[in-house]
Amino acid sequence: MKHHTTFPLALCLVLASVGTGVGAWAQGSAPQTPAKACPAILQHQFSRLQDDAPQNLCQYTGKAVLVVNTASYCGFTSQYQGLEALYAKYEKSGLVVLGFPSNDFGKQEPGTSKEIADFCFNTYGVKFPMLSKSVVSGPGKNPLYVALEKATGKPAKWNFHKYLIDRSGKVVASFPSSVEPEDPKLVAAVTHALQ
């Protein structure tokens, strides 16, 4: 009989704790804090270069984001090295470099996604996120680049143009291709955006 009376009591306690959220706490989960709202500039989705997996840019909410349109056969292609170094140095502080391969300028990115991904990794050891090839200039440009140009008044005019978004989702700087990733102006803007 004793067995019989304690079982319903235990069951009631479990049901009560689940109903009040205590069950989740008892299993070791921390109380959920409200997620930061994704800023409008990051409310876009693209395919990942390596495997076409969908990537929602809202995953970078709260980070500083350096957006760069890239090409494999450009006079500025060696900037991959500096971009990777910048990413490696500031990633733990909250910087993300996002590469957008594009064939818009001089037809300098003719390859397939696999060819571009292999080139970036094998030649420059690129580990920062790279998205699938897209249009970044003129009619048909991808929606992120439409928003970046609108925010800065500065369109990408060649490969390796850089836009910087701060942690709050505000576009705070635009750098032409000639500004290298290790340029003190760019590094100062990145460190300021990370604050």
N, C-alpha and C. Protein backbone atom coordinates (compact mmCIF):
# COMPACT_ATOMS: atom_id res chain seq x y z
N MET A 1 0.82 -1.20 0.00
CA MET A 1 0.00 0.00 0.00
C MET A 1 0.86 1.25 0.00
N LYS A 2 1.94 1.23 0.79
CA LYS A 2 2.80 2.39 0.89
C LYS A 2 3.33 2.77 -0.49
N HIS A 3 3.72 1.77 -1.25
CA HIS A 3 4.22 1.96 -2.61
C HIS A 3 3.19 2.72 -3.44
N HIS A 4 1.94 2.31 -3.26
CA HIS A 4 0.84 2.86 -4.04
C HIS A 4 0.62 4.34 -3.77
N THR A 5 0.76 4.76 -2.50
CA THR A 5 0.46 6.14 -2.15
C THR A 5 1.61 7.08 -2.52
N THR A 6 2.86 6.62 -2.51
CA THR A 6 3.96 7.53 -2.85
C THR A 6 4.09 7.75 -4.36
N PHE A 7 3.68 6.80 -5.16
CA PHE A 7 3.84 6.96 -6.62
C PHE A 7 3.02 8.15 -7.15
N PRO A 8 1.72 8.27 -6.79
CA PRO A 8 0.98 9.43 -7.28
C PRO A 8 1.57 10.74 -6.78
N LEU A 9 2.09 10.75 -5.53
CA LEU A 9 2.69 11.97 -4.99
C LEU A 9 3.92 12.35 -5.81
N ALA A 10 4.78 11.38 -6.13
CA ALA A 10 5.98 11.64 -6.93
C ALA A 10 5.58 12.15 -8.31
N LEU A 11 4.54 11.52 -8.87
CA LEU A 11 4.06 11.93 -10.19
C LEU A 11 3.55 13.37 -10.15
N CYS A 12 2.82 13.72 -9.08
CA CYS A 12 2.31 15.08 -8.94
C CYS A 12 3.45 16.08 -8.84
N LEU A 13 4.49 15.74 -8.11
CA LEU A 13 5.64 16.63 -7.96
C LEU A 13 6.34 16.85 -9.30
N VAL A 14 6.50 15.79 -10.08
CA VAL A 14 7.14 15.90 -11.39
C VAL A 14 6.30 16.79 -12.30
N LEU A 15 4.97 16.54 -12.31
CA LEU A 15 4.10 17.33 -13.17
C LEU A 15 4.10 18.80 -12.74
N ALA A 16 4.10 19.03 -11.44
CA ALA A 16 4.10 20.40 -10.94
C ALA A 16 5.40 21.11 -11.33
N SER A 17 6.52 20.39 -11.20
CA SER A 17 7.80 21.03 -11.50
C SER A 17 7.93 21.32 -12.99
N VAL A 18 7.41 20.43 -13.84
CA VAL A 18 7.44 20.68 -15.29
C VAL A 18 6.57 21.88 -15.62
N GLY A 19 5.40 21.94 -14.97
CA GLY A 19 4.48 23.05 -15.23
C GLY A 19 5.07 24.39 -14.86
N THR A 20 5.90 24.46 -13.83
CA THR A 20 6.45 25.74 -13.39
C THR A 20 7.83 26.01 -13.94
N GLY A 21 8.37 25.09 -14.73
CA GLY A 21 9.70 25.30 -15.28
C GLY A 21 10.81 24.82 -14.37
N VAL A 22 10.46 24.30 -13.18
CA VAL A 22 11.49 23.83 -12.26
C VAL A 22 12.18 22.59 -12.81
N GLY A 23 11.42 21.79 -13.58
CA GLY A 23 12.01 20.58 -14.16
C GLY A 23 13.20 20.90 -15.03
N ALA A 24 13.09 21.95 -15.85
CA ALA A 24 14.20 22.33 -16.73
C ALA A 24 15.38 22.79 -15.88
N TRP A 25 15.09 23.57 -14.83
CA TRP A 25 16.16 24.06 -13.97
C TRP A 25 16.86 22.89 -13.27
N ALA A 26 16.06 21.91 -12.83
CA ALA A 26 16.62 20.76 -12.12
C ALA A 26 17.54 19.94 -13.02
N GLN A 27 17.31 20.02 -14.34
CA GLN A 27 18.16 19.27 -15.26
C GLN A 27 19.44 20.04 -15.60
N GLY A 28 19.62 21.23 -15.03
CA GLY A 28 20.86 21.95 -15.22
C GLY A 28 20.81 23.05 -16.26
N SER A 29 19.65 23.32 -16.88
CA SER A 29 19.59 24.41 -17.86
C SER A 29 19.50 25.73 -17.13
N ALA A 30 20.21 26.73 -17.64
CA ALA A 30 20.14 28.07 -17.06
C ALA A 30 18.85 28.73 -17.55
N PRO A 31 18.33 29.66 -16.76
CA PRO A 31 17.15 30.39 -17.23
C PRO A 31 17.49 31.10 -18.54
N GLN A 32 16.52 31.13 -19.47
CA GLN A 32 16.77 31.73 -20.78
C GLN A 32 16.70 33.25 -20.67
N THR A 33 17.75 33.92 -21.21
CA THR A 33 17.69 35.38 -21.30
C THR A 33 17.19 35.71 -22.70
N PRO A 34 16.45 36.79 -22.86
CA PRO A 34 15.94 37.11 -24.19
C PRO A 34 17.08 37.33 -25.17
N ALA A 35 16.97 36.78 -26.36
CA ALA A 35 18.02 36.95 -27.36
C ALA A 35 17.98 38.38 -27.88
N LYS A 36 19.17 38.88 -28.26
CA LYS A 36 19.22 40.21 -28.86
C LYS A 36 18.50 40.17 -30.19
N ALA A 37 17.80 41.24 -30.47
CA ALA A 37 17.09 41.31 -31.76
C ALA A 37 18.11 41.42 -32.89
N CYS A 38 17.85 40.70 -33.95
CA CYS A 38 18.75 40.73 -35.10
C CYS A 38 18.58 42.07 -35.82
N PRO A 39 19.68 42.81 -36.01
CA PRO A 39 19.55 44.10 -36.71
C PRO A 39 19.16 43.89 -38.18
N ALA A 40 18.49 44.87 -38.74
CA ALA A 40 17.98 44.77 -40.11
C ALA A 40 19.07 44.42 -41.11
N ILE A 41 20.26 44.97 -40.93
CA ILE A 41 21.35 44.75 -41.90
C ILE A 41 21.74 43.28 -41.98
N LEU A 42 21.49 42.51 -40.91
CA LEU A 42 21.87 41.09 -40.90
C LEU A 42 20.70 40.16 -41.21
N GLN A 43 19.54 40.70 -41.49
CA GLN A 43 18.37 39.85 -41.75
C GLN A 43 18.36 39.33 -43.19
N HIS A 44 19.39 38.55 -43.50
CA HIS A 44 19.55 37.98 -44.84
C HIS A 44 20.06 36.55 -44.70
N GLN A 45 19.77 35.75 -45.70
CA GLN A 45 20.26 34.37 -45.71
C GLN A 45 20.98 34.09 -47.03
N PHE A 46 22.12 33.42 -46.93
CA PHE A 46 22.92 33.05 -48.09
C PHE A 46 23.37 31.61 -47.93
N SER A 47 23.83 31.02 -49.01
CA SER A 47 24.39 29.66 -48.93
C SER A 47 25.87 29.74 -48.60
N ARG A 48 26.34 28.79 -47.80
CA ARG A 48 27.76 28.70 -47.47
C ARG A 48 28.52 28.22 -48.70
N LEU A 49 29.71 28.77 -48.92
CA LEU A 49 30.50 28.45 -50.12
C LEU A 49 30.84 26.96 -50.20
N GLN A 50 31.29 26.38 -49.08
CA GLN A 50 31.82 25.02 -49.09
C GLN A 50 30.78 23.96 -49.41
N ASP A 51 29.54 24.16 -48.93
CA ASP A 51 28.57 23.06 -49.05
C ASP A 51 27.14 23.51 -49.35
N ASP A 52 26.96 24.80 -49.66
CA ASP A 52 25.64 25.36 -49.97
C ASP A 52 24.65 25.29 -48.81
N ALA A 53 25.13 25.02 -47.59
CA ALA A 53 24.23 25.01 -46.43
C ALA A 53 23.72 26.43 -46.18
N PRO A 54 22.42 26.61 -45.93
CA PRO A 54 21.89 27.96 -45.71
C PRO A 54 22.48 28.59 -44.45
N GLN A 55 22.86 29.84 -44.56
CA GLN A 55 23.45 30.58 -43.44
C GLN A 55 22.64 31.85 -43.21
N ASN A 56 22.04 31.96 -42.03
CA ASN A 56 21.32 33.17 -41.67
C ASN A 56 22.31 34.12 -41.00
N LEU A 57 22.46 35.31 -41.54
CA LEU A 57 23.44 36.26 -40.99
C LEU A 57 23.07 36.73 -39.59
N CYS A 58 21.84 36.48 -39.15
CA CYS A 58 21.45 36.83 -37.77
C CYS A 58 22.31 36.09 -36.74
N GLN A 59 22.98 35.01 -37.16
CA GLN A 59 23.87 34.31 -36.23
C GLN A 59 25.04 35.20 -35.79
N TYR A 60 25.28 36.31 -36.50
CA TYR A 60 26.37 37.22 -36.15
C TYR A 60 25.89 38.43 -35.37
N THR A 61 24.66 38.41 -34.90
CA THR A 61 24.14 39.49 -34.06
C THR A 61 25.05 39.67 -32.84
N GLY A 62 25.38 40.93 -32.55
CA GLY A 62 26.24 41.23 -31.40
C GLY A 62 27.72 41.18 -31.73
N LYS A 63 28.08 40.84 -32.96
CA LYS A 63 29.48 40.82 -33.38
C LYS A 63 29.76 41.99 -34.31
N ALA A 64 31.02 42.34 -34.45
CA ALA A 64 31.43 43.29 -35.50
C ALA A 64 31.67 42.44 -36.75
N VAL A 65 31.18 42.92 -37.89
CA VAL A 65 31.24 42.14 -39.12
C VAL A 65 31.94 42.96 -40.20
N LEU A 66 32.99 42.39 -40.79
CA LEU A 66 33.68 43.00 -41.92
C LEU A 66 33.26 42.22 -43.17
N VAL A 67 32.52 42.87 -44.05
CA VAL A 67 32.00 42.24 -45.26
C VAL A 67 32.92 42.60 -46.43
N VAL A 68 33.38 41.58 -47.15
CA VAL A 68 34.35 41.80 -48.23
C VAL A 68 33.93 41.01 -49.46
N ASN A 69 33.87 41.68 -50.63
CA ASN A 69 33.62 40.94 -51.87
C ASN A 69 34.98 40.51 -52.44
N THR A 70 35.11 39.24 -52.73
CA THR A 70 36.41 38.65 -53.05
C THR A 70 36.47 38.12 -54.48
N ALA A 71 37.70 37.87 -54.95
CA ALA A 71 37.93 37.26 -56.26
C ALA A 71 39.28 36.56 -56.22
N SER A 72 39.37 35.45 -56.93
CA SER A 72 40.58 34.62 -56.90
C SER A 72 41.68 35.09 -57.84
N TYR A 73 41.32 35.90 -58.85
CA TYR A 73 42.32 36.28 -59.86
C TYR A 73 42.40 37.79 -60.01
N CYS A 74 42.71 38.45 -58.91
CA CYS A 74 42.71 39.91 -58.85
C CYS A 74 44.05 40.37 -58.29
N GLY A 75 44.43 41.58 -58.62
CA GLY A 75 45.65 42.14 -58.04
C GLY A 75 45.58 42.27 -56.53
N PHE A 76 44.36 42.27 -55.99
CA PHE A 76 44.17 42.39 -54.54
C PHE A 76 43.94 41.05 -53.85
N THR A 77 44.03 39.94 -54.61
CA THR A 77 43.70 38.63 -54.04
C THR A 77 44.56 38.28 -52.84
N SER A 78 45.79 38.77 -52.81
CA SER A 78 46.67 38.47 -51.67
C SER A 78 46.13 39.04 -50.36
N GLN A 79 45.12 39.92 -50.45
CA GLN A 79 44.51 40.44 -49.22
C GLN A 79 43.81 39.35 -48.41
N TYR A 80 43.54 38.20 -49.04
CA TYR A 80 43.01 37.06 -48.28
C TYR A 80 43.89 36.79 -47.06
N GLN A 81 45.19 36.89 -47.25
CA GLN A 81 46.14 36.60 -46.16
C GLN A 81 45.93 37.56 -45.00
N GLY A 82 45.83 38.85 -45.31
CA GLY A 82 45.62 39.86 -44.27
C GLY A 82 44.25 39.75 -43.62
N LEU A 83 43.25 39.41 -44.42
CA LEU A 83 41.90 39.24 -43.86
C LEU A 83 41.85 38.07 -42.89
N GLU A 84 42.53 36.97 -43.26
CA GLU A 84 42.57 35.81 -42.37
C GLU A 84 43.33 36.14 -41.09
N ALA A 85 44.42 36.90 -41.21
CA ALA A 85 45.20 37.31 -40.03
C ALA A 85 44.36 38.20 -39.11
N LEU A 86 43.61 39.13 -39.71
CA LEU A 86 42.75 40.03 -38.94
C LEU A 86 41.68 39.22 -38.21
N TYR A 87 41.08 38.28 -38.93
CA TYR A 87 40.06 37.41 -38.34
C TYR A 87 40.64 36.59 -37.18
N ALA A 88 41.81 36.00 -37.41
CA ALA A 88 42.44 35.18 -36.36
C ALA A 88 42.75 36.02 -35.12
N LYS A 89 43.18 37.25 -35.33
CA LYS A 89 43.57 38.11 -34.20
C LYS A 89 42.35 38.57 -33.39
N TYR A 90 41.24 38.90 -34.07
CA TYR A 90 40.11 39.52 -33.37
C TYR A 90 38.87 38.64 -33.25
N GLU A 91 38.94 37.41 -33.74
CA GLU A 91 37.76 36.54 -33.68
C GLU A 91 37.26 36.37 -32.25
N LYS A 92 38.17 36.13 -31.31
CA LYS A 92 37.76 35.91 -29.91
C LYS A 92 37.19 37.18 -29.29
N SER A 93 37.53 38.33 -29.85
CA SER A 93 36.98 39.60 -29.35
C SER A 93 35.62 39.89 -29.97
N GLY A 94 35.21 39.10 -30.98
CA GLY A 94 33.88 39.27 -31.56
C GLY A 94 33.85 39.73 -33.01
N LEU A 95 34.98 39.62 -33.73
CA LEU A 95 34.99 40.00 -35.15
C LEU A 95 34.68 38.80 -36.04
N VAL A 96 33.84 39.04 -37.04
CA VAL A 96 33.61 38.05 -38.10
C VAL A 96 33.96 38.72 -39.42
N VAL A 97 34.77 38.05 -40.24
CA VAL A 97 35.00 38.49 -41.61
C VAL A 97 34.09 37.63 -42.49
N LEU A 98 33.31 38.25 -43.35
CA LEU A 98 32.42 37.50 -44.25
C LEU A 98 32.85 37.75 -45.68
N GLY A 99 33.24 36.68 -46.38
CA GLY A 99 33.67 36.80 -47.76
C GLY A 99 32.54 36.49 -48.73
N PHE A 100 32.38 37.37 -49.72
CA PHE A 100 31.37 37.20 -50.77
C PHE A 100 32.07 37.14 -52.13
N PRO A 101 32.42 35.94 -52.61
CA PRO A 101 33.03 35.86 -53.93
C PRO A 101 32.08 36.43 -54.99
N SER A 102 32.67 37.16 -55.93
CA SER A 102 31.86 37.77 -56.98
C SER A 102 32.65 37.85 -58.28
N ASN A 103 31.98 37.64 -59.37
CA ASN A 103 32.61 37.70 -60.70
C ASN A 103 32.28 39.03 -61.39
N ASP A 104 31.85 40.03 -60.61
CA ASP A 104 31.36 41.28 -61.18
C ASP A 104 32.45 42.17 -61.78
N PHE A 105 33.64 42.11 -61.22
CA PHE A 105 34.67 43.06 -61.61
C PHE A 105 35.78 42.34 -62.38
N GLY A 106 35.89 42.62 -63.66
CA GLY A 106 36.95 42.03 -64.48
C GLY A 106 36.81 40.53 -64.68
N LYS A 107 35.64 39.96 -64.35
CA LYS A 107 35.44 38.51 -64.49
C LYS A 107 36.57 37.73 -63.80
N GLN A 108 36.94 38.18 -62.59
CA GLN A 108 38.10 37.62 -61.90
C GLN A 108 37.74 36.53 -60.89
N GLU A 109 36.47 36.11 -60.90
CA GLU A 109 36.05 34.98 -60.05
C GLU A 109 35.19 34.04 -60.88
N PRO A 110 35.79 33.35 -61.89
CA PRO A 110 35.00 32.51 -62.78
C PRO A 110 34.68 31.13 -62.23
N GLY A 111 35.34 30.72 -61.15
CA GLY A 111 35.27 29.33 -60.70
C GLY A 111 33.95 28.92 -60.09
N THR A 112 33.84 27.60 -59.87
CA THR A 112 32.70 27.02 -59.16
C THR A 112 32.91 27.23 -57.66
N SER A 113 31.87 26.95 -56.90
CA SER A 113 32.00 27.08 -55.43
C SER A 113 33.14 26.22 -54.91
N LYS A 114 33.25 24.98 -55.39
CA LYS A 114 34.31 24.08 -54.92
C LYS A 114 35.69 24.62 -55.28
N GLU A 115 35.83 25.12 -56.50
CA GLU A 115 37.13 25.67 -56.93
C GLU A 115 37.52 26.87 -56.07
N ILE A 116 36.55 27.75 -55.81
CA ILE A 116 36.83 28.94 -54.99
C ILE A 116 37.20 28.53 -53.57
N ALA A 117 36.41 27.63 -52.98
CA ALA A 117 36.67 27.18 -51.60
C ALA A 117 38.05 26.53 -51.49
N ASP A 118 38.38 25.66 -52.45
CA ASP A 118 39.70 24.99 -52.44
C ASP A 118 40.82 26.01 -52.57
N PHE A 119 40.66 26.97 -53.47
CA PHE A 119 41.67 28.00 -53.68
C PHE A 119 41.90 28.80 -52.39
N CYS A 120 40.81 29.26 -51.78
CA CYS A 120 40.91 30.09 -50.56
C CYS A 120 41.62 29.34 -49.44
N PHE A 121 41.23 28.09 -49.24
CA PHE A 121 41.81 27.33 -48.13
C PHE A 121 43.24 26.90 -48.45
N ASN A 122 43.45 26.34 -49.64
CA ASN A 122 44.77 25.79 -49.96
C ASN A 122 45.83 26.86 -50.19
N THR A 123 45.43 28.02 -50.71
CA THR A 123 46.41 29.07 -51.01
C THR A 123 46.63 30.01 -49.82
N TYR A 124 45.54 30.36 -49.14
CA TYR A 124 45.64 31.37 -48.07
C TYR A 124 45.20 30.88 -46.70
N GLY A 125 44.81 29.63 -46.58
CA GLY A 125 44.38 29.09 -45.28
C GLY A 125 43.16 29.79 -44.72
N VAL A 126 42.26 30.22 -45.61
CA VAL A 126 41.08 30.99 -45.18
C VAL A 126 40.16 30.12 -44.32
N LYS A 127 39.89 30.62 -43.11
CA LYS A 127 38.95 29.94 -42.21
C LYS A 127 37.74 30.80 -41.89
N PHE A 128 37.81 32.09 -42.25
CA PHE A 128 36.65 32.94 -41.98
C PHE A 128 35.50 32.53 -42.91
N PRO A 129 34.25 32.81 -42.51
CA PRO A 129 33.10 32.34 -43.30
C PRO A 129 33.09 32.92 -44.72
N MET A 130 32.90 32.03 -45.69
CA MET A 130 32.78 32.42 -47.10
C MET A 130 31.40 31.97 -47.58
N LEU A 131 30.72 32.86 -48.29
CA LEU A 131 29.39 32.55 -48.79
C LEU A 131 29.45 32.32 -50.30
N SER A 132 28.41 31.74 -50.85
CA SER A 132 28.40 31.41 -52.27
C SER A 132 28.55 32.65 -53.14
N LYS A 133 29.09 32.42 -54.33
CA LYS A 133 29.30 33.50 -55.29
C LYS A 133 27.98 34.21 -55.57
N SER A 134 28.03 35.54 -55.58
CA SER A 134 26.82 36.31 -55.85
C SER A 134 27.17 37.63 -56.51
N VAL A 135 26.15 38.35 -56.91
CA VAL A 135 26.31 39.66 -57.54
C VAL A 135 26.36 40.73 -56.43
N VAL A 136 27.37 41.61 -56.50
CA VAL A 136 27.51 42.65 -55.47
C VAL A 136 27.49 44.06 -56.06
N SER A 137 27.30 44.14 -57.38
CA SER A 137 27.33 45.44 -58.05
C SER A 137 26.31 45.48 -59.18
N GLY A 138 25.71 46.66 -59.37
CA GLY A 138 24.79 46.83 -60.49
C GLY A 138 23.46 46.15 -60.26
N PRO A 139 22.68 45.98 -61.34
CA PRO A 139 21.38 45.36 -61.21
C PRO A 139 21.51 43.92 -60.72
N GLY A 140 20.61 43.51 -59.88
CA GLY A 140 20.64 42.12 -59.39
C GLY A 140 21.59 41.88 -58.25
N LYS A 141 22.16 42.94 -57.67
CA LYS A 141 23.08 42.71 -56.54
C LYS A 141 22.34 42.11 -55.36
N ASN A 142 23.08 41.34 -54.57
CA ASN A 142 22.43 40.64 -53.47
C ASN A 142 21.90 41.65 -52.43
N PRO A 143 20.87 41.27 -51.66
CA PRO A 143 20.19 42.23 -50.79
C PRO A 143 21.07 42.84 -49.70
N LEU A 144 22.08 42.10 -49.24
CA LEU A 144 22.99 42.68 -48.24
C LEU A 144 23.75 43.84 -48.86
N TYR A 145 24.23 43.65 -50.08
CA TYR A 145 24.99 44.72 -50.74
C TYR A 145 24.11 45.92 -51.09
N VAL A 146 22.84 45.68 -51.38
CA VAL A 146 21.89 46.78 -51.57
C VAL A 146 21.84 47.61 -50.29
N ALA A 147 21.71 46.92 -49.14
CA ALA A 147 21.60 47.60 -47.84
C ALA A 147 22.90 48.31 -47.46
N LEU A 148 24.04 47.67 -47.74
CA LEU A 148 25.34 48.28 -47.42
C LEU A 148 25.56 49.56 -48.22
N GLU A 149 25.24 49.49 -49.51
CA GLU A 149 25.39 50.68 -50.36
C GLU A 149 24.45 51.80 -49.91
N LYS A 150 23.22 51.42 -49.54
CA LYS A 150 22.26 52.42 -49.08
C LYS A 150 22.74 53.08 -47.79
N ALA A 151 23.31 52.30 -46.89
CA ALA A 151 23.77 52.82 -45.59
C ALA A 151 24.97 53.75 -45.71
N THR A 152 25.84 53.47 -46.69
CA THR A 152 27.08 54.25 -46.79
C THR A 152 27.10 55.23 -47.96
N GLY A 153 26.23 55.01 -48.94
CA GLY A 153 26.28 55.82 -50.15
C GLY A 153 27.46 55.45 -51.04
N LYS A 154 28.13 54.34 -50.69
CA LYS A 154 29.33 53.93 -51.43
C LYS A 154 29.17 52.51 -51.96
N PRO A 155 29.02 52.37 -53.28
CA PRO A 155 28.94 51.02 -53.85
C PRO A 155 30.32 50.38 -53.90
N ALA A 156 30.35 49.06 -53.92
CA ALA A 156 31.62 48.36 -54.15
C ALA A 156 32.01 48.63 -55.60
N LYS A 157 33.22 49.18 -55.81
CA LYS A 157 33.64 49.52 -57.17
C LYS A 157 34.65 48.53 -57.73
N TRP A 158 35.15 47.64 -56.89
CA TRP A 158 36.09 46.62 -57.34
C TRP A 158 36.14 45.51 -56.30
N ASN A 159 36.88 44.46 -56.60
CA ASN A 159 37.06 43.35 -55.66
C ASN A 159 37.75 43.84 -54.39
N PHE A 160 37.40 43.22 -53.28
CA PHE A 160 37.99 43.48 -51.97
C PHE A 160 37.63 44.86 -51.40
N HIS A 161 36.43 45.33 -51.76
CA HIS A 161 35.86 46.49 -51.08
C HIS A 161 35.39 45.97 -49.71
N LYS A 162 35.51 46.80 -48.68
CA LYS A 162 35.20 46.34 -47.33
C LYS A 162 34.17 47.26 -46.67
N TYR A 163 33.17 46.65 -46.06
CA TYR A 163 32.19 47.38 -45.26
C TYR A 163 32.29 46.85 -43.83
N LEU A 164 32.23 47.75 -42.86
CA LEU A 164 32.31 47.35 -41.45
C LEU A 164 31.00 47.66 -40.74
N ILE A 165 30.47 46.63 -40.08
CA ILE A 165 29.23 46.75 -39.30
C ILE A 165 29.61 46.58 -37.83
N ASP A 166 29.15 47.50 -36.97
CA ASP A 166 29.51 47.38 -35.55
C ASP A 166 28.59 46.40 -34.83
N ARG A 167 28.83 46.21 -33.55
CA ARG A 167 28.10 45.20 -32.76
C ARG A 167 26.59 45.47 -32.71
N SER A 168 26.20 46.73 -32.85
CA SER A 168 24.78 47.07 -32.78
C SER A 168 24.08 46.90 -34.12
N GLY A 169 24.85 46.58 -35.18
CA GLY A 169 24.26 46.39 -36.50
C GLY A 169 24.29 47.65 -37.35
N LYS A 170 25.05 48.66 -36.92
CA LYS A 170 25.17 49.90 -37.70
C LYS A 170 26.38 49.78 -38.64
N VAL A 171 26.17 50.17 -39.91
CA VAL A 171 27.29 50.18 -40.87
C VAL A 171 28.10 51.43 -40.56
N VAL A 172 29.35 51.23 -40.12
CA VAL A 172 30.14 52.37 -39.61
C VAL A 172 31.28 52.78 -40.52
N ALA A 173 31.64 51.96 -41.52
CA ALA A 173 32.77 52.35 -42.38
C ALA A 173 32.71 51.59 -43.69
N SER A 174 33.35 52.18 -44.69
CA SER A 174 33.48 51.58 -46.01
C SER A 174 34.90 51.87 -46.48
N PHE A 175 35.58 50.84 -46.95
CA PHE A 175 36.97 51.00 -47.38
C PHE A 175 37.13 50.48 -48.81
N PRO A 176 37.75 51.26 -49.68
CA PRO A 176 37.98 50.78 -51.04
C PRO A 176 39.01 49.64 -51.06
N SER A 177 39.11 49.00 -52.21
CA SER A 177 40.00 47.85 -52.38
C SER A 177 41.44 48.14 -51.98
N SER A 178 41.88 49.37 -52.24
CA SER A 178 43.29 49.71 -51.99
C SER A 178 43.65 49.73 -50.50
N VAL A 179 42.64 49.80 -49.62
CA VAL A 179 42.92 49.78 -48.17
C VAL A 179 43.09 48.32 -47.75
N GLU A 180 44.30 47.98 -47.35
CA GLU A 180 44.61 46.59 -47.00
C GLU A 180 44.11 46.26 -45.59
N PRO A 181 43.92 44.98 -45.31
CA PRO A 181 43.39 44.58 -43.99
C PRO A 181 44.27 45.03 -42.83
N GLU A 182 45.59 45.18 -43.07
CA GLU A 182 46.46 45.60 -41.97
C GLU A 182 46.63 47.12 -41.89
N ASP A 183 45.95 47.86 -42.76
CA ASP A 183 46.03 49.32 -42.75
C ASP A 183 45.58 49.84 -41.39
N PRO A 184 46.37 50.74 -40.78
CA PRO A 184 46.01 51.25 -39.43
C PRO A 184 44.61 51.85 -39.35
N LYS A 185 44.14 52.48 -40.44
CA LYS A 185 42.78 53.06 -40.43
C LYS A 185 41.73 51.97 -40.28
N LEU A 186 41.90 50.88 -41.02
CA LEU A 186 40.94 49.78 -40.96
C LEU A 186 41.01 49.08 -39.61
N VAL A 187 42.23 48.82 -39.14
CA VAL A 187 42.38 48.14 -37.84
C VAL A 187 41.78 49.00 -36.72
N ALA A 188 42.00 50.31 -36.76
CA ALA A 188 41.42 51.21 -35.74
C ALA A 188 39.89 51.17 -35.79
N ALA A 189 39.34 51.14 -37.01
CA ALA A 189 37.87 51.08 -37.15
C ALA A 189 37.33 49.76 -36.60
N VAL A 190 38.05 48.67 -36.86
CA VAL A 190 37.63 47.35 -36.35
C VAL A 190 37.65 47.35 -34.83
N THR A 191 38.75 47.81 -34.24
CA THR A 191 38.84 47.78 -32.77
C THR A 191 37.77 48.67 -32.14
N HIS A 192 37.48 49.81 -32.79
CA HIS A 192 36.42 50.69 -32.29
C HIS A 192 35.05 50.00 -32.40
N ALA A 193 34.81 49.31 -33.51
CA ALA A 193 33.53 48.60 -33.71
C ALA A 193 33.34 47.47 -32.72
N LEU A 194 34.43 46.94 -32.21
CA LEU A 194 34.36 45.83 -31.24
C LEU A 194 34.04 46.31 -29.83
N GLN A 195 34.18 47.61 -29.56
CA GLN A 195 33.97 48.12 -28.20
C GLN A 195 32.51 48.09 -27.82
